[in-house]
């Protein structure tokens, strides 16, 4: 029980510490996406026009990875870098496929466009951060459940 409470306390602390960094991370993601999609030096207008930016969707993943006790620094860095690349790739694919958000930038979207956008929003925000966290921290998560050492049974 102590381990879970310690983890939850760390999760709250890291969540609060990450909030001021979100706008800067969003700006960095937009910068990279404009650079990749248009191959020009990004301007403020071009960065605002990017329809799919998943920087906010990574927030729970960052907080979970940073708050997980016993997770090696190398695993944290590789996990964070991998997640950023995965989300940038998915945003890039959505931009190439659809060019805009349904009903906001595209007045009469197709059904596949609506489904793909909503599916990416749901999976990217609610499922993928937790799956990625589980992939890199499954041993540490097991410690919470079993109450035993991190390497037990491995």
Protein backbone atom coordinates (compact mmCIF):
# COMPACT_ATOMS: atom_id res chain seq x y z
CA UNK A 1 0.00 0.00 0.00
CA UNK A 2 2.89 2.35 0.79
CA UNK A 3 4.34 1.85 -2.69
CA UNK A 4 1.05 2.73 -4.35
CA UNK A 5 0.60 5.85 -2.21
CA UNK A 6 4.20 6.89 -2.93
CA UNK A 7 3.59 6.41 -6.65
CA UNK A 8 0.33 8.41 -6.53
CA UNK A 9 2.04 11.23 -4.64
CA UNK A 10 4.82 11.33 -7.23
CA UNK A 11 2.23 11.21 -10.02
CA UNK A 12 0.45 14.26 -8.61
CA UNK A 13 3.73 16.16 -8.17
CA UNK A 14 4.98 15.40 -11.70
CA UNK A 15 1.56 16.17 -13.17
CA UNK A 16 1.62 19.60 -11.56
CA UNK A 17 5.23 20.23 -12.57
CA UNK A 18 4.51 19.36 -16.22
CA UNK A 19 1.55 21.74 -16.63
CA UNK A 20 3.67 24.87 -17.25
CA UNK A 21 5.74 22.98 -19.84
CA UNK A 22 2.76 21.92 -21.98
CA UNK A 23 2.54 25.11 -24.09
CA UNK A 24 6.26 24.92 -24.92
CA UNK A 25 6.03 21.24 -25.80
CA UNK A 26 3.00 21.96 -27.99
CA UNK A 27 4.93 24.71 -29.77
CA UNK A 28 7.89 22.37 -30.32
CA UNK A 29 5.61 19.65 -31.75
CA UNK A 30 3.92 22.14 -34.06
CA UNK A 31 7.33 23.43 -35.19
CA UNK A 32 8.51 19.91 -36.08
CA UNK A 33 5.24 19.03 -37.84
CA UNK A 34 5.32 22.19 -39.99
CA UNK A 35 8.97 21.55 -40.79
CA UNK A 36 8.22 17.95 -41.83
CA UNK A 37 5.00 18.55 -43.74
CA UNK A 38 5.90 21.73 -45.60
CA UNK A 39 9.72 21.71 -45.58
CA UNK A 40 9.76 25.43 -44.84
CA UNK A 41 10.86 27.34 -41.79
CA UNK A 42 7.75 27.37 -39.57
CA UNK A 43 5.92 30.63 -38.98
CA UNK A 44 3.38 31.34 -36.26
CA UNK A 45 0.52 31.20 -38.77
CA UNK A 46 1.70 27.87 -40.17
CA UNK A 47 2.05 26.40 -36.68
CA UNK A 48 -1.47 27.51 -35.74
CA UNK A 49 -2.86 25.90 -38.90
CA UNK A 50 -1.57 22.39 -38.08
CA UNK A 51 -4.77 20.36 -37.60
CA UNK A 52 -3.43 17.33 -35.72
CA UNK A 53 -1.10 17.93 -32.78
CA UNK A 54 -0.92 15.29 -30.08
CA UNK A 55 1.34 17.05 -27.61
CA UNK A 56 -1.40 17.20 -24.95
CA UNK A 57 -2.11 13.49 -25.44
CA UNK A 58 1.42 12.69 -24.23
CA UNK A 59 0.93 14.48 -20.92
CA UNK A 60 -0.38 11.43 -18.99
CA UNK A 61 2.42 9.27 -20.39
CA UNK A 62 5.11 11.74 -19.32
CA UNK A 63 3.65 11.99 -15.82
CA UNK A 64 3.36 8.19 -15.48
CA UNK A 65 6.91 7.54 -16.71
CA UNK A 66 8.45 10.21 -14.50
CA UNK A 67 6.47 9.10 -11.43
CA UNK A 68 7.19 5.37 -11.71
CA UNK A 69 9.67 4.47 -8.96
CA UNK A 70 12.50 2.11 -9.83
CA UNK A 71 12.38 2.76 -13.58
CA UNK A 72 15.90 3.18 -14.98
CA UNK A 73 16.82 6.55 -16.47
CA UNK A 74 17.70 4.93 -19.79
CA UNK A 75 14.28 3.29 -20.03
CA UNK A 76 12.60 6.59 -19.18
CA UNK A 77 14.52 8.47 -21.87
CA UNK A 78 14.02 5.79 -24.52
CA UNK A 79 10.33 5.53 -23.65
CA UNK A 80 9.78 9.29 -23.81
CA UNK A 81 11.73 9.65 -27.07
CA UNK A 82 9.90 6.68 -28.60
CA UNK A 83 6.50 8.04 -27.57
CA UNK A 84 7.26 11.48 -29.00
CA UNK A 85 8.37 9.95 -32.30
CA UNK A 86 5.31 7.68 -32.43
CA UNK A 87 2.90 10.54 -31.80
CA UNK A 88 4.66 12.82 -34.30
CA UNK A 89 4.48 10.03 -36.88
CA UNK A 90 0.76 9.50 -36.24
CA UNK A 91 0.08 13.25 -36.48
CA UNK A 92 2.10 13.40 -39.69
CA UNK A 93 0.07 10.51 -41.16
CA UNK A 94 -3.23 12.14 -40.14
CA UNK A 95 -2.15 15.43 -41.73
CA UNK A 96 -1.11 13.68 -44.96
CA UNK A 97 -4.31 11.65 -45.11
CA UNK A 98 -6.92 14.23 -44.16
CA UNK A 99 -5.42 17.77 -44.33
CA UNK A 100 -7.85 19.04 -41.69
CA UNK A 101 -10.14 18.32 -38.76
CA UNK A 102 -13.75 17.31 -39.58
CA UNK A 103 -16.39 20.02 -39.18
CA UNK A 104 -13.79 22.59 -38.04
CA UNK A 105 -11.48 22.85 -41.06
CA UNK A 106 -13.39 20.53 -43.41
CA UNK A 107 -17.12 21.45 -43.67
CA UNK A 108 -18.38 18.19 -45.23
CA UNK A 109 -16.06 15.41 -44.09
CA UNK A 110 -16.41 11.82 -45.18
CA UNK A 111 -17.40 9.10 -42.74
CA UNK A 112 -13.91 7.50 -42.78
CA UNK A 113 -12.40 10.92 -42.03
CA UNK A 114 -14.69 11.37 -39.01
CA UNK A 115 -14.04 7.82 -37.77
CA UNK A 116 -10.25 8.06 -38.21
CA UNK A 117 -10.05 11.41 -36.42
CA UNK A 118 -12.23 10.33 -33.50
CA UNK A 119 -10.45 6.97 -33.24
CA UNK A 120 -7.03 8.65 -33.13
CA UNK A 121 -8.31 11.12 -30.53
CA UNK A 122 -9.65 8.32 -28.31
CA UNK A 123 -6.76 5.90 -28.74
CA UNK A 124 -4.08 8.57 -28.61
CA UNK A 125 -5.46 10.25 -25.53
CA UNK A 126 -7.02 7.47 -23.46
CA UNK A 127 -5.38 4.18 -24.42
CA UNK A 128 -1.96 4.59 -26.02
CA UNK A 129 -0.27 6.55 -23.18
CA UNK A 130 -1.14 3.78 -20.72
CA UNK A 131 -0.11 1.00 -23.12
CA UNK A 132 3.24 2.68 -23.76
CA UNK A 133 3.76 3.16 -20.03
CA UNK A 134 2.94 -0.50 -19.39
CA UNK A 135 5.40 -1.56 -22.11
CA UNK A 136 8.35 0.19 -20.47
CA UNK A 137 7.37 -0.18 -16.80
CA UNK A 138 5.61 -3.55 -16.59
CA UNK A 139 8.06 -4.86 -13.95
CA UNK A 140 7.63 -1.80 -11.75
CA UNK A 141 3.84 -1.99 -12.15
CA UNK A 142 4.00 -5.65 -11.11
CA UNK A 143 5.66 -4.61 -7.86
CA UNK A 144 2.55 -2.59 -6.99
CA UNK A 145 0.35 -5.63 -7.56
CA UNK A 146 2.47 -8.34 -5.94
CA UNK A 147 4.15 -6.29 -3.24
CA UNK A 148 7.41 -8.16 -3.94
CA UNK A 149 10.75 -7.22 -5.50
CA UNK A 150 11.00 -5.82 -9.04
CA UNK A 151 12.85 -8.83 -10.46
CA UNK A 152 10.69 -11.54 -8.87
CA UNK A 153 9.72 -14.25 -11.34
CA UNK A 154 11.73 -12.79 -14.22
